[in-house]
Amino acid sequence: MITRRPLVAVAFMAPAVALYLALIVYPLGQGLALSTTDSKIGNAADFVGLKNYIALANDSDVMRALGVTVAYAVVVVIVQNAIGLALARALYMRPRIRQLGSTIILVPTLMSAVMAAFVWNSLLAPDGAINSLLRSLGLGALTHVWLGDPSTALWAIAVVNIWMFAGYSAAVFLAGYMNLPAELIDASNVDGAAGWRRFVSIEWPLLAPATTVSVTLSLIGSLKVFELPLVLTKGGPAGSTTTLTKLIFDKIFGGFGSFAYGATIAVLLLVVVVVFAGVTQALLRRREERI
């Protein structure tokens, strides 16, 4: 006989499960099904099996976009979390400005990516504020066409991404700092462990859970980056900033009209995100257990 308690649990879970099935599972299934067809604008979709995936493996544009996406994610994750950790520690050590500082560093996070991209597009322009500042400081030799040079365009976009979300990483690390055992910090002060020594021996190991959260979220976000390359460079110059998400957009809406091939690249992106995030989280969780 079914008791009342399981029925109540099912009733509470049903709306969430229904939304998950409708908004996540069903679209995912539709996307997978679409990737096995030759669906294009104006054509009836016919089943083609794994033809799109075979073409994907031999597509140099896709492989290049995959390399760009991974390189971008690696740089953003490392630098963003390093800056976030430094900001969090600085705020933790200064209780008087902690609340105000936490609010200020989160302001860029509240901006839409499109708005931030337009602002930075102006700053990074050849006659923009950054080059003008360098000239005024007598550093005219360092001025550059930041978004127009294939060797710097991707990293300029990474700077914008880091500027936007370093504050978010700092908030995660600061939450970790606030959960550090007060008695352990007091004992380290009595023992004379301060500065870099305390950070390496005490703070960094105890921040392992916060590190797992921040690194995982920043990794997923950077692998899925779309608005910044779209607005700042439109994937150029010479494809140097074309990420997988930008390539999906181009295949579906950029004149190709290939819904099926775009869905196939989207499946590839899903696999990349799941694999990278899964492996990263497993390694960081193992580190937590060792500590």
Protein backbone atom coordinates (compact mmCIF):
# COMPACT_ATOMS: atom_id res chain seq x y z
CA MET A 1 0.00 0.00 0.00
CA ILE A 2 1.36 3.42 -0.94
CA THR A 3 1.67 5.69 2.06
CA ARG A 4 0.92 9.40 2.01
CA ARG A 5 4.54 10.54 2.37
CA PRO A 6 5.77 9.17 -1.02
CA LEU A 7 2.69 10.66 -2.70
CA VAL A 8 3.52 14.08 -1.25
CA ALA A 9 7.11 13.75 -2.44
CA VAL A 10 5.97 12.81 -5.95
CA ALA A 11 3.57 15.76 -6.01
CA PHE A 12 6.35 18.18 -5.13
CA MET A 13 8.75 16.65 -7.64
CA ALA A 14 6.30 16.42 -10.54
CA PRO A 15 6.44 20.09 -11.67
CA ALA A 16 10.24 20.14 -11.65
CA VAL A 17 10.47 16.82 -13.47
CA ALA A 18 7.92 17.98 -16.05
CA LEU A 19 9.84 21.19 -16.71
CA TYR A 20 13.11 19.28 -16.96
CA LEU A 21 11.64 16.85 -19.48
CA ALA A 22 10.01 19.64 -21.51
CA LEU A 23 12.91 22.12 -21.49
CA ILE A 24 15.97 19.86 -21.38
CA VAL A 25 15.33 16.24 -22.34
CA TYR A 26 12.87 16.85 -25.19
CA PRO A 27 14.95 19.56 -26.96
CA LEU A 28 18.07 17.41 -26.53
CA GLY A 29 16.34 14.44 -28.10
CA GLN A 30 15.05 16.60 -30.95
CA GLY A 31 18.53 17.96 -31.55
CA LEU A 32 20.04 14.49 -31.67
CA ALA A 33 17.33 13.36 -34.08
CA LEU A 34 17.86 16.43 -36.25
CA SER A 35 21.61 15.74 -36.49
CA THR A 36 20.86 12.44 -38.25
CA THR A 37 18.96 14.14 -41.09
CA ASP A 38 19.87 16.45 -43.98
CA SER A 39 17.46 19.18 -42.89
CA LYS A 40 18.01 22.51 -44.65
CA ILE A 41 15.94 25.58 -45.42
CA GLY A 42 13.35 24.73 -48.05
CA ASN A 43 14.12 21.00 -48.12
CA ALA A 44 12.29 18.08 -46.54
CA ALA A 45 14.40 16.30 -43.95
CA ASP A 46 15.57 12.80 -44.85
CA PHE A 47 17.35 10.40 -42.53
CA VAL A 48 21.09 10.16 -43.30
CA GLY A 49 22.36 8.32 -40.23
CA LEU A 50 25.90 9.26 -39.20
CA LYS A 51 26.72 11.11 -42.42
CA ASN A 52 26.86 14.49 -40.67
CA TYR A 53 29.17 13.15 -37.96
CA ILE A 54 31.53 11.70 -40.57
CA ALA A 55 31.57 15.07 -42.33
CA LEU A 56 32.19 16.73 -38.98
CA ALA A 57 35.35 14.71 -38.38
CA ASN A 58 36.73 15.82 -41.75
CA ASP A 59 35.68 19.46 -41.50
CA SER A 60 38.72 21.71 -41.00
CA ASP A 61 36.50 24.65 -39.96
CA VAL A 62 34.99 22.60 -37.14
CA MET A 63 38.36 21.35 -35.94
CA ARG A 64 39.74 24.89 -35.97
CA ALA A 65 36.73 26.19 -34.05
CA LEU A 66 37.19 23.38 -31.54
CA GLY A 67 40.84 24.36 -31.04
CA VAL A 68 39.90 28.03 -30.65
CA THR A 69 37.21 27.15 -28.11
CA VAL A 70 39.48 24.95 -26.00
CA ALA A 71 42.38 27.44 -26.05
CA TYR A 72 40.04 30.26 -25.08
CA ALA A 73 38.54 28.23 -22.23
CA VAL A 74 41.94 27.24 -20.81
CA VAL A 75 43.18 30.85 -20.70
CA VAL A 76 39.93 32.23 -19.28
CA VAL A 77 39.61 29.57 -16.58
CA ILE A 78 43.19 29.98 -15.34
CA VAL A 79 43.35 33.78 -15.38
CA GLN A 80 39.78 34.40 -14.22
CA ASN A 81 40.13 32.12 -11.20
CA ALA A 82 43.57 33.45 -10.32
CA ILE A 83 42.26 37.03 -10.32
CA GLY A 84 39.10 36.00 -8.50
CA LEU A 85 41.11 34.26 -5.80
CA ALA A 86 43.39 37.28 -5.38
CA LEU A 87 40.39 39.62 -5.07
CA ALA A 88 38.67 37.30 -2.60
CA ARG A 89 41.75 37.11 -0.38
CA ALA A 90 42.19 40.87 -0.49
CA LEU A 91 38.58 41.40 0.60
CA TYR A 92 38.82 38.71 3.27
CA MET A 93 41.84 40.42 4.80
CA ARG A 94 40.06 43.80 4.83
CA PRO A 95 36.71 43.41 6.66
CA ARG A 96 35.97 47.16 6.60
CA ILE A 97 35.69 47.33 2.83
CA ARG A 98 34.52 43.77 2.26
CA GLN A 99 30.85 44.53 1.66
CA LEU A 100 31.48 47.55 -0.58
CA GLY A 101 34.26 45.74 -2.44
CA SER A 102 32.08 42.69 -3.03
CA THR A 103 29.40 44.89 -4.56
CA ILE A 104 31.82 46.74 -6.83
CA ILE A 105 33.52 43.65 -8.26
CA LEU A 106 30.14 42.12 -9.10
CA VAL A 107 28.96 45.10 -11.17
CA PRO A 108 30.49 43.84 -14.47
CA THR A 109 28.81 40.47 -13.90
CA LEU A 110 25.42 42.20 -13.92
CA MET A 111 25.96 43.62 -17.40
CA SER A 112 24.68 41.77 -20.43
CA ALA A 113 27.42 40.27 -22.57
CA VAL A 114 26.19 42.24 -25.59
CA MET A 115 26.40 45.55 -23.73
CA ALA A 116 29.86 44.72 -22.39
CA ALA A 117 30.98 43.77 -25.90
CA PHE A 118 29.84 47.10 -27.34
CA VAL A 119 31.64 49.02 -24.57
CA TRP A 120 34.88 47.09 -25.05
CA ASN A 121 34.62 47.33 -28.82
CA SER A 122 34.90 51.08 -28.39
CA LEU A 123 37.77 50.78 -25.90
CA LEU A 124 39.75 48.37 -28.10
CA ALA A 125 39.23 50.24 -31.37
CA PRO A 126 42.40 51.54 -33.14
CA ASP A 127 41.49 55.07 -32.01
CA GLY A 128 39.87 53.89 -28.78
CA ALA A 129 40.61 54.71 -25.16
CA ILE A 130 43.23 52.00 -24.63
CA ASN A 131 45.44 53.03 -27.54
CA SER A 132 44.89 56.71 -26.69
CA LEU A 133 46.03 56.04 -23.12
CA LEU A 134 49.15 54.26 -24.35
CA ARG A 135 50.00 57.20 -26.62
CA SER A 136 49.47 59.70 -23.81
CA LEU A 137 51.89 57.72 -21.62
CA GLY A 138 54.54 57.77 -24.32
CA LEU A 139 53.97 54.10 -25.11
CA GLY A 140 52.76 54.58 -28.67
CA ALA A 141 54.85 51.63 -29.81
CA LEU A 142 52.53 49.34 -27.83
CA THR A 143 49.35 50.48 -29.58
CA HIS A 144 47.74 47.78 -31.61
CA VAL A 145 44.70 46.80 -33.66
CA TRP A 146 43.62 44.49 -30.89
CA LEU A 147 40.50 43.05 -32.51
CA GLY A 148 41.83 43.16 -36.06
CA ASP A 149 44.95 41.05 -35.61
CA PRO A 150 44.49 37.26 -35.63
CA SER A 151 47.27 36.91 -33.07
CA THR A 152 45.56 39.13 -30.46
CA ALA A 153 41.82 39.10 -31.25
CA LEU A 154 40.97 35.95 -29.28
CA TRP A 155 42.95 37.06 -26.23
CA ALA A 156 41.33 40.51 -26.35
CA ILE A 157 37.95 38.78 -26.15
CA ALA A 158 39.28 36.66 -23.28
CA VAL A 159 40.18 39.87 -21.42
CA VAL A 160 36.57 41.06 -21.74
CA ASN A 161 35.29 37.69 -20.49
CA ILE A 162 37.67 37.79 -17.51
CA TRP A 163 36.72 41.39 -16.71
CA MET A 164 33.05 40.40 -16.66
CA PHE A 165 33.25 37.26 -14.53
CA ALA A 166 36.33 37.55 -12.32
CA GLY A 167 34.06 39.17 -9.75
CA TYR A 168 31.79 36.13 -9.82
CA SER A 169 34.75 33.84 -9.16
CA ALA A 170 35.84 36.19 -6.40
CA ALA A 171 32.40 35.89 -4.78
CA VAL A 172 32.66 32.09 -4.83
CA PHE A 173 36.14 32.13 -3.30
CA LEU A 174 35.12 34.75 -0.74
CA ALA A 175 32.28 32.47 0.38
CA GLY A 176 34.91 29.77 0.82
CA TYR A 177 37.08 32.13 2.85
CA MET A 178 34.17 33.02 5.11
CA ASN A 179 33.72 29.33 5.91
CA LEU A 180 37.33 28.81 7.00
CA PRO A 181 37.53 27.66 10.65
CA ALA A 182 38.25 30.77 12.72
CA GLU A 183 40.24 28.79 15.30
CA LEU A 184 42.57 27.48 12.61
CA ILE A 185 43.24 30.99 11.29
CA ASP A 186 43.85 32.24 14.85
CA ALA A 187 46.23 29.36 15.51
CA SER A 188 48.16 30.12 12.33
CA ASN A 189 48.53 33.75 13.44
CA VAL A 190 49.87 32.62 16.81
CA ASP A 191 52.34 30.31 15.11
CA GLY A 192 53.55 33.11 12.86
CA ALA A 193 52.18 31.63 9.66
CA ALA A 194 51.18 34.58 7.54
CA GLY A 195 51.18 35.79 3.98
CA TRP A 196 52.21 33.32 1.31
CA ARG A 197 53.03 30.59 3.84
CA ARG A 198 49.54 30.64 5.36
CA PHE A 199 47.93 30.78 1.94
CA VAL A 200 49.78 27.72 0.64
CA SER A 201 49.59 25.65 3.83
CA ILE A 202 46.11 26.49 5.12
CA GLU A 203 43.94 28.67 2.93
CA TRP A 204 44.46 27.07 -0.49
CA PRO A 205 43.83 23.48 0.69
CA LEU A 206 40.70 24.50 2.62
CA LEU A 207 39.38 26.39 -0.40
CA ALA A 208 39.18 23.18 -2.41
CA PRO A 209 35.34 23.06 -2.51
CA ALA A 210 35.15 26.69 -3.67
CA THR A 211 37.83 25.97 -6.27
CA THR A 212 35.79 23.08 -7.64
CA VAL A 213 32.69 25.24 -8.01
CA SER A 214 34.44 28.26 -9.51
CA VAL A 215 36.61 26.32 -11.96
CA THR A 216 33.71 24.16 -13.14
CA LEU A 217 31.35 27.09 -13.71
CA SER A 218 33.98 29.21 -15.48
CA LEU A 219 34.96 26.25 -17.67
CA ILE A 220 31.39 25.57 -18.78
CA GLY A 221 30.74 29.27 -19.40
CA SER A 222 33.91 29.81 -21.46
CA LEU A 223 33.34 26.72 -23.59
CA LYS A 224 29.87 28.05 -24.45
CA VAL A 225 30.94 31.64 -25.15
CA PHE A 226 28.95 33.19 -27.97
CA GLU A 227 27.92 36.84 -27.58
CA LEU A 228 31.42 38.27 -27.14
CA PRO A 229 32.95 36.83 -30.35
CA LEU A 230 29.75 37.58 -32.26
CA VAL A 231 29.64 41.27 -31.34
CA LEU A 232 33.36 42.05 -31.04
CA THR A 233 34.78 40.31 -34.10
CA LYS A 234 31.98 38.34 -35.80
CA GLY A 235 34.32 35.36 -35.66
CA GLY A 236 37.18 37.10 -37.47
CA PRO A 237 39.72 38.05 -38.43
CA ALA A 238 40.33 35.00 -40.63
CA GLY A 239 38.30 32.76 -38.32
CA SER A 240 40.68 33.29 -35.39
CA THR A 241 37.79 33.91 -32.97
CA THR A 242 35.21 31.54 -34.43
CA THR A 243 34.18 29.34 -31.52
CA LEU A 244 31.93 26.29 -31.77
CA THR A 245 28.88 28.30 -30.72
CA LYS A 246 29.64 30.96 -33.35
CA LEU A 247 30.06 28.24 -35.98
CA ILE A 248 26.69 26.73 -35.02
CA PHE A 249 25.12 30.14 -35.50
CA ASP A 250 26.81 30.56 -38.90
CA LYS A 251 25.69 27.15 -40.15
CA ILE A 252 22.06 27.68 -39.14
CA PHE A 253 21.49 31.42 -39.54
CA GLY A 254 24.47 32.73 -41.47
CA GLY A 255 23.25 31.94 -44.95
CA PHE A 256 23.96 28.19 -44.93
CA GLY A 257 20.57 27.26 -43.50
CA SER A 258 21.84 23.83 -42.52
CA PHE A 259 19.82 22.96 -39.46
CA ALA A 260 21.05 19.36 -39.39
CA TYR A 261 24.76 20.20 -39.58
CA GLY A 262 24.36 22.96 -37.02
CA ALA A 263 22.68 20.48 -34.69
CA THR A 264 25.57 18.07 -35.26
CA ILE A 265 28.10 20.69 -34.19
CA ALA A 266 25.89 21.43 -31.18
CA VAL A 267 26.09 17.75 -30.20
CA LEU A 268 29.87 17.98 -30.48
CA LEU A 269 29.85 21.03 -28.21
CA LEU A 270 27.67 19.18 -25.70
CA VAL A 271 30.13 16.27 -25.65
CA VAL A 272 33.08 18.66 -25.22
CA VAL A 273 31.41 20.47 -22.32
CA VAL A 274 30.38 17.24 -20.58
CA VAL A 275 33.79 15.61 -20.98
CA PHE A 276 35.85 18.64 -19.94
CA ALA A 277 33.58 19.57 -17.05
CA GLY A 278 33.27 15.95 -15.91
CA VAL A 279 37.01 15.27 -15.95
CA THR A 280 37.80 18.61 -14.27
CA GLN A 281 35.23 18.07 -11.55
CA ALA A 282 36.38 14.49 -10.94
CA LEU A 283 39.99 15.63 -10.50
CA LEU A 284 39.03 18.49 -8.20
CA ARG A 285 36.70 16.28 -6.13
CA ARG A 286 39.53 13.78 -5.73
CA ARG A 287 41.71 16.63 -4.49
CA GLU A 288 39.03 17.56 -1.96
CA GLU A 289 38.95 13.99 -0.65
CA ARG A 290 42.72 13.87 -0.27
CA ILE A 291 42.67 17.11 1.71
